[in-house]
Amino acid sequence: MHPTDDQLVAAYLERGDAQAFRRLVERHQERIYGYLLGMVRDPEVASDLFQETFLRVLAALRQERASYTRQGRWLAWVLRIARNAALDYLRSRRRWQDVTPDDGEEGGNFWDRLPDEAPGADELLEEAELQERLAACIERLPPEQREVLLLRQEAELTFREIAELTGVSINTALGRMRYALINLRKMMLQPQKQPASE
């Protein structure tokens, strides 16, 4: 039997079931950590923020037992807390800039066009290089575009959830994703600089 997130939350709130809370963390840790890592681009800081997120989650559950049920889906609620922790960190480092909303539409999914499997050694190496290059390009995106991309791809949130989490309209969230994909495509199509030969 696989209890739902809501059932695990209820077990923790009603009986103080620490195992239920641990299962919630383990179930979503990759998505939450992946989002935080994409935001701060430092594994050690992302780990610290992951722990900080769940300390805040525990405090919120203890202080306002109804806050989760009012907010809705567990992952979206925790990601809202994770986002606040990441933004607090980025503001303290003065690396986050306020952004202005932009309008747009949902674009094609760039990720779907990347190769999924690479059975040969050459293809495996090429795939690894492509993924490394893609990660570097994602880091170069403007913060608001990178965040929407991470929330969509790492956390698998809907655009409605992304809009609610980031405090923008759905059109703005879609526009940011569209521009992120356009910018990624441009960066990926740029010729790579070859090392100078002697």
N, C-alpha and C. Protein backbone atom coordinates (compact mmCIF):
# COMPACT_ATOMS: atom_id res chain seq x y z
N MET A 1 0.84 -1.19 0.00
CA MET A 1 0.00 0.00 0.00
C MET A 1 0.88 1.25 0.00
N HIS A 2 0.54 2.20 -0.85
CA HIS A 2 1.31 3.43 -0.94
C HIS A 2 0.41 4.60 -0.51
N PRO A 3 0.58 5.06 0.74
CA PRO A 3 -0.26 6.17 1.20
C PRO A 3 0.01 7.43 0.39
N THR A 4 -1.03 8.24 0.22
CA THR A 4 -0.88 9.50 -0.48
C THR A 4 -0.14 10.50 0.41
N ASP A 5 0.28 11.59 -0.21
CA ASP A 5 0.93 12.65 0.57
C ASP A 5 -0.01 13.14 1.68
N ASP A 6 -1.28 13.32 1.34
CA ASP A 6 -2.24 13.81 2.34
C ASP A 6 -2.37 12.84 3.51
N GLN A 7 -2.36 11.55 3.22
CA GLN A 7 -2.46 10.55 4.29
C GLN A 7 -1.22 10.59 5.19
N LEU A 8 -0.06 10.78 4.59
CA LEU A 8 1.18 10.85 5.38
C LEU A 8 1.21 12.12 6.23
N VAL A 9 0.76 13.24 5.65
CA VAL A 9 0.68 14.48 6.42
C VAL A 9 -0.27 14.31 7.60
N ALA A 10 -1.42 13.69 7.34
CA ALA A 10 -2.40 13.46 8.41
C ALA A 10 -1.82 12.59 9.51
N ALA A 11 -1.06 11.56 9.12
CA ALA A 11 -0.45 10.68 10.12
C ALA A 11 0.55 11.45 10.99
N TYR A 12 1.27 12.36 10.36
CA TYR A 12 2.23 13.16 11.14
C TYR A 12 1.50 14.15 12.05
N LEU A 13 0.49 14.83 11.51
CA LEU A 13 -0.23 15.84 12.30
C LEU A 13 -1.05 15.23 13.42
N GLU A 14 -1.70 14.10 13.15
CA GLU A 14 -2.61 13.52 14.13
C GLU A 14 -1.90 12.65 15.16
N ARG A 15 -0.86 11.92 14.72
CA ARG A 15 -0.21 10.98 15.64
C ARG A 15 1.26 11.28 15.90
N GLY A 16 1.77 12.34 15.24
CA GLY A 16 3.20 12.64 15.40
C GLY A 16 4.07 11.56 14.80
N ASP A 17 3.59 10.92 13.72
CA ASP A 17 4.28 9.80 13.08
C ASP A 17 5.50 10.29 12.31
N ALA A 18 6.68 10.16 12.93
CA ALA A 18 7.92 10.65 12.31
C ALA A 18 8.25 9.85 11.05
N GLN A 19 7.89 8.56 11.03
CA GLN A 19 8.15 7.73 9.85
C GLN A 19 7.36 8.24 8.64
N ALA A 20 6.13 8.69 8.90
CA ALA A 20 5.31 9.24 7.81
C ALA A 20 5.96 10.49 7.24
N PHE A 21 6.48 11.34 8.11
CA PHE A 21 7.14 12.56 7.64
C PHE A 21 8.40 12.20 6.86
N ARG A 22 9.15 11.21 7.35
CA ARG A 22 10.37 10.79 6.65
C ARG A 22 10.03 10.29 5.23
N ARG A 23 8.93 9.57 5.11
CA ARG A 23 8.51 9.07 3.79
C ARG A 23 8.18 10.23 2.85
N LEU A 24 7.55 11.25 3.38
CA LEU A 24 7.24 12.43 2.56
C LEU A 24 8.53 13.07 2.04
N VAL A 25 9.50 13.23 2.93
CA VAL A 25 10.77 13.84 2.53
C VAL A 25 11.44 12.99 1.47
N GLU A 26 11.52 11.67 1.70
CA GLU A 26 12.20 10.79 0.76
C GLU A 26 11.49 10.74 -0.59
N ARG A 27 10.17 10.81 -0.57
CA ARG A 27 9.39 10.74 -1.80
C ARG A 27 9.68 11.93 -2.72
N HIS A 28 9.92 13.10 -2.15
CA HIS A 28 10.05 14.31 -2.97
C HIS A 28 11.44 14.95 -2.91
N GLN A 29 12.39 14.30 -2.23
CA GLN A 29 13.68 14.97 -2.01
C GLN A 29 14.43 15.29 -3.30
N GLU A 30 14.35 14.42 -4.30
CA GLU A 30 15.09 14.68 -5.54
C GLU A 30 14.56 15.92 -6.25
N ARG A 31 13.23 16.06 -6.29
CA ARG A 31 12.65 17.22 -6.96
C ARG A 31 12.98 18.51 -6.22
N ILE A 32 12.86 18.47 -4.90
CA ILE A 32 13.10 19.68 -4.10
C ILE A 32 14.58 20.05 -4.15
N TYR A 33 15.46 19.06 -3.95
CA TYR A 33 16.89 19.34 -4.01
C TYR A 33 17.30 19.81 -5.41
N GLY A 34 16.75 19.16 -6.44
CA GLY A 34 17.06 19.55 -7.82
C GLY A 34 16.68 21.00 -8.10
N TYR A 35 15.51 21.39 -7.59
CA TYR A 35 15.07 22.78 -7.75
C TYR A 35 16.03 23.72 -7.03
N LEU A 36 16.38 23.41 -5.78
CA LEU A 36 17.27 24.28 -5.01
C LEU A 36 18.65 24.37 -5.66
N LEU A 37 19.16 23.23 -6.12
CA LEU A 37 20.47 23.23 -6.77
C LEU A 37 20.46 24.10 -8.02
N GLY A 38 19.39 24.01 -8.80
CA GLY A 38 19.28 24.86 -9.98
C GLY A 38 19.21 26.33 -9.64
N MET A 39 18.61 26.65 -8.50
CA MET A 39 18.48 28.05 -8.09
C MET A 39 19.81 28.64 -7.61
N VAL A 40 20.55 27.88 -6.78
CA VAL A 40 21.75 28.45 -6.15
C VAL A 40 23.05 27.98 -6.80
N ARG A 41 22.97 26.89 -7.58
CA ARG A 41 24.11 26.38 -8.35
C ARG A 41 25.32 26.04 -7.48
N ASP A 42 25.06 25.53 -6.29
CA ASP A 42 26.14 25.13 -5.39
C ASP A 42 25.61 23.96 -4.55
N PRO A 43 26.16 22.74 -4.74
CA PRO A 43 25.62 21.57 -4.05
C PRO A 43 25.61 21.70 -2.53
N GLU A 44 26.65 22.30 -1.96
CA GLU A 44 26.71 22.43 -0.50
C GLU A 44 25.63 23.39 0.00
N VAL A 45 25.47 24.51 -0.69
CA VAL A 45 24.43 25.48 -0.31
C VAL A 45 23.05 24.86 -0.51
N ALA A 46 22.87 24.12 -1.62
CA ALA A 46 21.57 23.48 -1.88
C ALA A 46 21.24 22.49 -0.76
N SER A 47 22.23 21.75 -0.28
CA SER A 47 22.00 20.81 0.83
C SER A 47 21.59 21.56 2.09
N ASP A 48 22.28 22.66 2.37
CA ASP A 48 21.92 23.47 3.54
C ASP A 48 20.50 24.01 3.42
N LEU A 49 20.15 24.49 2.23
CA LEU A 49 18.82 25.04 2.01
C LEU A 49 17.74 23.94 2.07
N PHE A 50 18.10 22.74 1.64
CA PHE A 50 17.17 21.60 1.74
C PHE A 50 16.83 21.35 3.21
N GLN A 51 17.87 21.33 4.05
CA GLN A 51 17.64 21.13 5.49
C GLN A 51 16.85 22.30 6.08
N GLU A 52 17.20 23.51 5.67
CA GLU A 52 16.49 24.70 6.15
C GLU A 52 15.02 24.65 5.74
N THR A 53 14.76 24.18 4.52
CA THR A 53 13.38 24.06 4.04
C THR A 53 12.57 23.17 4.97
N PHE A 54 13.12 22.01 5.32
CA PHE A 54 12.34 21.08 6.14
C PHE A 54 12.27 21.49 7.60
N LEU A 55 13.23 22.27 8.06
CA LEU A 55 13.09 22.86 9.40
C LEU A 55 11.92 23.85 9.39
N ARG A 56 11.82 24.63 8.31
CA ARG A 56 10.70 25.58 8.18
C ARG A 56 9.37 24.83 8.02
N VAL A 57 9.39 23.73 7.28
CA VAL A 57 8.18 22.93 7.10
C VAL A 57 7.68 22.41 8.45
N LEU A 58 8.61 21.85 9.23
CA LEU A 58 8.24 21.33 10.55
C LEU A 58 7.70 22.43 11.45
N ALA A 59 8.36 23.57 11.42
CA ALA A 59 7.90 24.70 12.24
C ALA A 59 6.51 25.15 11.81
N ALA A 60 6.28 25.21 10.49
CA ALA A 60 4.97 25.64 9.98
C ALA A 60 3.88 24.65 10.37
N LEU A 61 4.19 23.36 10.29
CA LEU A 61 3.20 22.35 10.66
C LEU A 61 2.88 22.40 12.15
N ARG A 62 3.88 22.69 12.97
CA ARG A 62 3.65 22.76 14.42
C ARG A 62 2.87 24.01 14.80
N GLN A 63 3.21 25.14 14.16
CA GLN A 63 2.60 26.41 14.55
C GLN A 63 1.22 26.60 13.94
N GLU A 64 1.07 26.23 12.68
CA GLU A 64 -0.20 26.46 11.99
C GLU A 64 -0.62 25.16 11.34
N ARG A 65 -1.23 24.30 12.14
CA ARG A 65 -1.57 22.95 11.66
C ARG A 65 -2.46 22.98 10.41
N ALA A 66 -3.23 24.04 10.25
CA ALA A 66 -4.15 24.11 9.10
C ALA A 66 -3.50 24.72 7.87
N SER A 67 -2.30 25.25 7.98
CA SER A 67 -1.72 25.99 6.84
C SER A 67 -1.52 25.09 5.63
N TYR A 68 -1.11 23.85 5.85
CA TYR A 68 -0.90 22.96 4.71
C TYR A 68 -2.22 22.67 4.00
N THR A 69 -3.27 22.33 4.77
CA THR A 69 -4.53 21.96 4.15
C THR A 69 -5.14 23.14 3.40
N ARG A 70 -4.85 24.34 3.83
CA ARG A 70 -5.35 25.51 3.11
C ARG A 70 -4.58 25.71 1.80
N GLN A 71 -3.33 25.33 1.79
CA GLN A 71 -2.48 25.60 0.63
C GLN A 71 -2.69 24.58 -0.49
N GLY A 72 -3.01 23.35 -0.15
CA GLY A 72 -3.22 22.36 -1.21
C GLY A 72 -2.12 21.34 -1.28
N ARG A 73 -1.70 21.00 -2.49
CA ARG A 73 -0.79 19.89 -2.71
C ARG A 73 0.51 20.03 -1.92
N TRP A 74 0.93 18.93 -1.31
CA TRP A 74 2.11 18.92 -0.44
C TRP A 74 3.36 19.44 -1.15
N LEU A 75 3.67 18.89 -2.33
CA LEU A 75 4.90 19.29 -3.01
C LEU A 75 4.90 20.77 -3.33
N ALA A 76 3.79 21.29 -3.82
CA ALA A 76 3.72 22.72 -4.14
C ALA A 76 3.90 23.56 -2.88
N TRP A 77 3.31 23.10 -1.77
CA TRP A 77 3.43 23.82 -0.49
C TRP A 77 4.89 23.85 -0.02
N VAL A 78 5.56 22.69 -0.08
CA VAL A 78 6.96 22.61 0.34
C VAL A 78 7.85 23.43 -0.59
N LEU A 79 7.56 23.39 -1.89
CA LEU A 79 8.36 24.17 -2.84
C LEU A 79 8.21 25.67 -2.60
N ARG A 80 7.04 26.09 -2.14
CA ARG A 80 6.87 27.51 -1.79
C ARG A 80 7.84 27.88 -0.66
N ILE A 81 7.96 26.99 0.32
CA ILE A 81 8.88 27.22 1.44
C ILE A 81 10.33 27.15 0.96
N ALA A 82 10.63 26.18 0.08
CA ALA A 82 11.99 26.05 -0.48
C ALA A 82 12.35 27.29 -1.28
N ARG A 83 11.41 27.79 -2.05
CA ARG A 83 11.66 28.99 -2.85
C ARG A 83 11.99 30.18 -1.96
N ASN A 84 11.22 30.34 -0.88
CA ASN A 84 11.50 31.45 0.04
C ASN A 84 12.89 31.32 0.65
N ALA A 85 13.28 30.09 1.01
CA ALA A 85 14.62 29.87 1.57
C ALA A 85 15.69 30.22 0.54
N ALA A 86 15.48 29.79 -0.72
CA ALA A 86 16.46 30.09 -1.78
C ALA A 86 16.54 31.58 -2.06
N LEU A 87 15.38 32.25 -2.11
CA LEU A 87 15.40 33.69 -2.37
C LEU A 87 16.05 34.46 -1.22
N ASP A 88 15.81 34.01 0.02
CA ASP A 88 16.48 34.64 1.17
C ASP A 88 17.99 34.53 1.01
N TYR A 89 18.45 33.35 0.62
CA TYR A 89 19.89 33.15 0.42
C TYR A 89 20.41 34.04 -0.71
N LEU A 90 19.71 34.02 -1.85
CA LEU A 90 20.17 34.79 -3.00
C LEU A 90 20.17 36.29 -2.73
N ARG A 91 19.14 36.76 -2.03
CA ARG A 91 19.10 38.19 -1.68
C ARG A 91 20.27 38.53 -0.76
N SER A 92 20.57 37.62 0.16
CA SER A 92 21.69 37.89 1.08
C SER A 92 23.00 37.96 0.32
N ARG A 93 23.08 37.29 -0.81
CA ARG A 93 24.29 37.31 -1.64
C ARG A 93 24.18 38.35 -2.75
N ARG A 94 23.03 39.03 -2.80
CA ARG A 94 22.77 40.06 -3.82
C ARG A 94 22.89 39.51 -5.23
N ARG A 95 22.47 38.26 -5.41
CA ARG A 95 22.54 37.65 -6.74
C ARG A 95 21.16 37.59 -7.39
N TRP A 96 20.11 37.93 -6.67
CA TRP A 96 18.76 37.88 -7.25
C TRP A 96 18.34 39.28 -7.64
N GLN A 97 17.83 39.44 -8.81
CA GLN A 97 17.36 40.75 -9.26
C GLN A 97 15.86 40.69 -9.43
N ASP A 98 15.20 41.79 -9.07
CA ASP A 98 13.76 41.85 -9.31
C ASP A 98 13.54 41.78 -10.82
N VAL A 99 12.45 41.15 -11.19
CA VAL A 99 12.17 40.99 -12.61
C VAL A 99 10.81 41.60 -12.93
N THR A 100 10.66 41.99 -14.18
CA THR A 100 9.37 42.53 -14.60
C THR A 100 8.63 41.43 -15.34
N PRO A 101 7.32 41.37 -15.18
CA PRO A 101 6.55 40.33 -15.87
C PRO A 101 6.67 40.50 -17.37
N ASP A 102 6.62 39.38 -18.06
CA ASP A 102 6.59 39.43 -19.51
C ASP A 102 5.45 38.53 -19.98
N ASP A 103 4.93 38.81 -21.12
CA ASP A 103 3.82 38.02 -21.65
C ASP A 103 4.36 37.05 -22.68
N GLY A 104 3.62 36.00 -22.91
CA GLY A 104 4.03 35.04 -23.93
C GLY A 104 3.17 33.81 -23.89
N GLU A 105 3.55 32.86 -24.71
CA GLU A 105 2.79 31.62 -24.81
C GLU A 105 3.73 30.47 -24.57
N GLU A 106 3.13 29.32 -24.33
CA GLU A 106 3.93 28.12 -24.12
C GLU A 106 4.59 27.73 -25.43
N GLY A 107 5.88 27.47 -25.36
CA GLY A 107 6.59 27.07 -26.57
C GLY A 107 6.74 25.56 -26.63
N GLY A 108 7.41 25.07 -27.67
CA GLY A 108 7.67 23.65 -27.79
C GLY A 108 8.62 23.19 -26.69
N ASN A 109 8.62 21.91 -26.43
CA ASN A 109 9.45 21.38 -25.34
C ASN A 109 10.82 20.99 -25.87
N PHE A 110 11.81 21.81 -25.58
CA PHE A 110 13.19 21.57 -26.03
C PHE A 110 13.70 20.24 -25.51
N TRP A 111 13.33 19.92 -24.25
CA TRP A 111 13.84 18.70 -23.60
C TRP A 111 13.44 17.45 -24.39
N ASP A 112 12.23 17.47 -24.99
CA ASP A 112 11.75 16.30 -25.71
C ASP A 112 12.59 15.99 -26.94
N ARG A 113 13.33 16.98 -27.42
CA ARG A 113 14.12 16.77 -28.63
C ARG A 113 15.54 16.29 -28.32
N LEU A 114 15.89 16.20 -27.05
CA LEU A 114 17.20 15.66 -26.70
C LEU A 114 17.17 14.14 -26.78
N PRO A 115 18.25 13.52 -27.18
CA PRO A 115 18.25 12.05 -27.27
C PRO A 115 18.07 11.43 -25.88
N ASP A 116 17.27 10.35 -25.83
CA ASP A 116 16.99 9.70 -24.54
C ASP A 116 17.98 8.61 -24.21
N GLU A 117 18.40 7.84 -25.22
CA GLU A 117 19.29 6.72 -24.96
C GLU A 117 20.50 6.82 -25.86
N ALA A 118 21.63 6.33 -25.36
CA ALA A 118 22.85 6.35 -26.14
C ALA A 118 23.61 5.05 -25.88
N PRO A 119 23.34 4.01 -26.65
CA PRO A 119 23.92 2.71 -26.35
C PRO A 119 25.42 2.61 -26.60
N GLY A 120 25.95 3.32 -27.61
CA GLY A 120 27.36 3.21 -27.93
C GLY A 120 28.23 4.13 -27.08
N ALA A 121 29.51 3.77 -26.95
CA ALA A 121 30.44 4.57 -26.13
C ALA A 121 30.55 5.99 -26.67
N ASP A 122 30.67 6.12 -28.00
CA ASP A 122 30.77 7.46 -28.59
C ASP A 122 29.51 8.27 -28.31
N GLU A 123 28.37 7.59 -28.45
CA GLU A 123 27.11 8.29 -28.22
C GLU A 123 26.94 8.66 -26.75
N LEU A 124 27.40 7.77 -25.86
CA LEU A 124 27.34 8.07 -24.42
C LEU A 124 28.18 9.30 -24.09
N LEU A 125 29.37 9.37 -24.67
CA LEU A 125 30.24 10.52 -24.44
C LEU A 125 29.60 11.79 -24.99
N GLU A 126 29.02 11.67 -26.20
CA GLU A 126 28.37 12.83 -26.81
C GLU A 126 27.18 13.29 -25.97
N GLU A 127 26.41 12.32 -25.45
CA GLU A 127 25.26 12.65 -24.61
C GLU A 127 25.71 13.34 -23.32
N ALA A 128 26.79 12.84 -22.71
CA ALA A 128 27.29 13.45 -21.47
C ALA A 128 27.75 14.88 -21.73
N GLU A 129 28.43 15.09 -22.86
CA GLU A 129 28.89 16.44 -23.22
C GLU A 129 27.70 17.36 -23.48
N LEU A 130 26.67 16.82 -24.13
CA LEU A 130 25.47 17.61 -24.42
C LEU A 130 24.77 18.02 -23.12
N GLN A 131 24.64 17.07 -22.19
CA GLN A 131 24.00 17.37 -20.91
C GLN A 131 24.80 18.41 -20.12
N GLU A 132 26.12 18.27 -20.16
CA GLU A 132 26.98 19.24 -19.47
C GLU A 132 26.83 20.63 -20.09
N ARG A 133 26.76 20.68 -21.41
CA ARG A 133 26.59 21.95 -22.10
C ARG A 133 25.21 22.55 -21.80
N LEU A 134 24.17 21.68 -21.78
CA LEU A 134 22.82 22.14 -21.47
C LEU A 134 22.77 22.72 -20.06
N ALA A 135 23.39 22.04 -19.10
CA ALA A 135 23.40 22.53 -17.72
C ALA A 135 24.09 23.90 -17.64
N ALA A 136 25.18 24.06 -18.39
CA ALA A 136 25.89 25.35 -18.40
C ALA A 136 25.01 26.44 -19.01
N CYS A 137 24.26 26.09 -20.05
CA CYS A 137 23.36 27.06 -20.69
C CYS A 137 22.23 27.45 -19.74
N ILE A 138 21.69 26.48 -19.01
CA ILE A 138 20.61 26.77 -18.05
C ILE A 138 21.11 27.75 -17.00
N GLU A 139 22.35 27.60 -16.57
CA GLU A 139 22.93 28.52 -15.56
C GLU A 139 23.00 29.94 -16.09
N ARG A 140 23.11 30.10 -17.41
CA ARG A 140 23.24 31.44 -18.00
C ARG A 140 21.89 32.12 -18.22
N LEU A 141 20.78 31.40 -18.03
CA LEU A 141 19.46 32.00 -18.21
C LEU A 141 19.21 33.07 -17.16
N PRO A 142 18.40 34.08 -17.48
CA PRO A 142 17.99 35.04 -16.45
C PRO A 142 17.30 34.30 -15.30
N PRO A 143 17.45 34.76 -14.06
CA PRO A 143 16.93 34.02 -12.89
C PRO A 143 15.47 33.63 -12.99
N GLU A 144 14.61 34.53 -13.48
CA GLU A 144 13.18 34.22 -13.51
C GLU A 144 12.87 33.14 -14.53
N GLN A 145 13.62 33.09 -15.64
CA GLN A 145 13.43 32.03 -16.64
C GLN A 145 13.96 30.70 -16.12
N ARG A 146 15.13 30.75 -15.50
CA ARG A 146 15.72 29.52 -14.93
C ARG A 146 14.80 28.91 -13.88
N GLU A 147 14.18 29.77 -13.05
CA GLU A 147 13.32 29.26 -11.99
C GLU A 147 12.10 28.54 -12.56
N VAL A 148 11.43 29.13 -13.56
CA VAL A 148 10.26 28.48 -14.15
C VAL A 148 10.65 27.16 -14.80
N LEU A 149 11.78 27.15 -15.50
CA LEU A 149 12.27 25.93 -16.13
C LEU A 149 12.50 24.84 -15.08
N LEU A 150 13.13 25.19 -13.97
CA LEU A 150 13.41 24.22 -12.91
C LEU A 150 12.13 23.72 -12.25
N LEU A 151 11.20 24.63 -12.00
CA LEU A 151 9.93 24.22 -11.38
C LEU A 151 9.15 23.29 -12.29
N ARG A 152 9.25 23.51 -13.61
CA ARG A 152 8.54 22.67 -14.56
C ARG A 152 9.24 21.32 -14.75
N GLN A 153 10.57 21.36 -14.96
CA GLN A 153 11.30 20.14 -15.30
C GLN A 153 11.73 19.33 -14.07
N GLU A 154 12.24 20.00 -13.05
CA GLU A 154 12.71 19.29 -11.85
C GLU A 154 11.57 18.93 -10.91
N ALA A 155 10.71 19.90 -10.63
CA ALA A 155 9.64 19.67 -9.66
C ALA A 155 8.34 19.19 -10.30
N GLU A 156 8.25 19.27 -11.64
CA GLU A 156 7.10 18.80 -12.39
C GLU A 156 5.79 19.49 -11.97
N LEU A 157 5.88 20.79 -11.67
CA LEU A 157 4.68 21.54 -11.33
C LEU A 157 3.95 21.94 -12.60
N THR A 158 2.65 22.15 -12.48
CA THR A 158 1.88 22.69 -13.60
C THR A 158 2.17 24.19 -13.71
N PHE A 159 1.80 24.78 -14.84
CA PHE A 159 2.02 26.22 -14.99
C PHE A 159 1.12 27.01 -14.03
N ARG A 160 -0.04 26.47 -13.71
CA ARG A 160 -0.90 27.14 -12.72
C ARG A 160 -0.20 27.15 -11.35
N GLU A 161 0.39 26.02 -10.98
CA GLU A 161 1.11 25.94 -9.70
C GLU A 161 2.34 26.85 -9.69
N ILE A 162 3.05 26.88 -10.82
CA ILE A 162 4.22 27.76 -10.93
C ILE A 162 3.80 29.22 -10.78
N ALA A 163 2.70 29.59 -11.44
CA ALA A 163 2.21 30.96 -11.36
C ALA A 163 1.86 31.33 -9.92
N GLU A 164 1.16 30.42 -9.22
CA GLU A 164 0.78 30.69 -7.83
C GLU A 164 2.01 30.78 -6.94
N LEU A 165 2.96 29.87 -7.16
CA LEU A 165 4.17 29.83 -6.33
C LEU A 165 5.02 31.09 -6.50
N THR A 166 5.13 31.57 -7.74
CA THR A 166 6.01 32.71 -8.01
C THR A 166 5.27 34.05 -7.97
N GLY A 167 3.95 34.00 -7.79
CA GLY A 167 3.18 35.24 -7.66
C GLY A 167 3.00 36.01 -8.96
N VAL A 168 2.90 35.26 -10.09
CA VAL A 168 2.69 35.92 -11.38
C VAL A 168 1.48 35.28 -12.06
N SER A 169 1.05 35.84 -13.17
CA SER A 169 -0.06 35.26 -13.92
C SER A 169 0.43 34.01 -14.65
N ILE A 170 -0.54 33.18 -15.08
CA ILE A 170 -0.18 32.00 -15.86
C ILE A 170 0.50 32.41 -17.16
N ASN A 171 0.00 33.47 -17.79
CA ASN A 171 0.62 33.94 -19.04
C ASN A 171 2.07 34.33 -18.83
N THR A 172 2.36 34.96 -17.70
CA THR A 172 3.75 35.34 -17.41
C THR A 172 4.61 34.10 -17.21
N ALA A 173 4.08 33.13 -16.47
CA ALA A 173 4.83 31.88 -16.26
C ALA A 173 5.09 31.19 -17.59
N LEU A 174 4.06 31.11 -18.44
CA LEU A 174 4.22 30.50 -19.76
C LEU A 174 5.22 31.28 -20.61
N GLY A 175 5.15 32.61 -20.52
CA GLY A 175 6.07 33.45 -21.28
C GLY A 175 7.51 33.23 -20.86
N ARG A 176 7.72 33.13 -19.54
CA ARG A 176 9.09 32.91 -19.04
C ARG A 176 9.63 31.56 -19.51
N MET A 177 8.75 30.54 -19.52
CA MET A 177 9.17 29.23 -20.01
C MET A 177 9.50 29.30 -21.49
N ARG A 178 8.65 30.00 -22.23
CA ARG A 178 8.87 30.13 -23.67
C ARG A 178 10.21 30.82 -23.95
N TYR A 179 10.46 31.92 -23.25
CA TYR A 179 11.73 32.63 -23.47
C TYR A 179 12.92 31.80 -23.00
N ALA A 180 12.73 31.03 -21.93
CA ALA A 180 13.82 30.15 -21.46
C ALA A 180 14.17 29.15 -22.55
N LEU A 181 13.15 28.54 -23.16
CA LEU A 181 13.40 27.55 -24.22
C LEU A 181 14.01 28.19 -25.45
N ILE A 182 13.53 29.39 -25.82
CA ILE A 182 14.10 30.10 -26.96
C ILE A 182 15.58 30.41 -26.69
N ASN A 183 15.86 30.93 -25.51
CA ASN A 183 17.25 31.27 -25.16
C ASN A 183 18.13 30.04 -25.10
N LEU A 184 17.60 28.94 -24.54
CA LEU A 184 18.38 27.70 -24.50
C LEU A 184 18.69 27.21 -25.91
N ARG A 185 17.69 27.26 -26.77
CA ARG A 185 17.89 26.79 -28.15
C ARG A 185 18.97 27.62 -28.82
N LYS A 186 18.92 28.95 -28.66
CA LYS A 186 19.94 29.82 -29.26
C LYS A 186 21.33 29.48 -28.74
N MET A 187 21.41 29.32 -27.39
CA MET A 187 22.73 29.02 -26.80
C MET A 187 23.26 27.67 -27.26
N MET A 188 22.34 26.67 -27.35
CA MET A 188 22.78 25.33 -27.74
C MET A 188 23.20 25.28 -29.21
N LEU A 189 22.62 26.16 -30.05
CA LEU A 189 22.94 26.15 -31.47
C LEU A 189 24.19 26.97 -31.79
N GLN A 190 24.65 27.76 -30.82
CA GLN A 190 25.87 28.53 -31.05
C GLN A 190 27.05 27.58 -31.18
N PRO A 191 27.94 27.84 -32.15
CA PRO A 191 29.10 26.95 -32.28
C PRO A 191 29.97 27.03 -31.04
N GLN A 192 30.46 25.84 -30.62
CA GLN A 192 31.34 25.82 -29.45
C GLN A 192 32.73 26.28 -29.86
N LYS A 193 33.37 26.98 -28.91
CA LYS A 193 34.74 27.41 -29.17
C LYS A 193 35.66 26.20 -29.07
N GLN A 194 36.44 26.00 -30.12
CA GLN A 194 37.40 24.90 -30.11
C GLN A 194 38.70 25.36 -29.50
N PRO A 195 39.38 24.50 -28.72
CA PRO A 195 40.68 24.91 -28.18
C PRO A 195 41.66 25.17 -29.30
N ALA A 196 42.48 26.20 -29.10
CA ALA A 196 43.47 26.56 -30.13
C ALA A 196 44.47 25.44 -30.30
N SER A 197 44.75 25.09 -31.58
CA SER A 197 45.73 24.02 -31.84
C SER A 197 47.10 24.65 -31.96
N GLU A 198 48.06 23.85 -31.54
CA GLU A 198 49.44 24.38 -31.58
C GLU A 198 50.08 24.04 -32.89
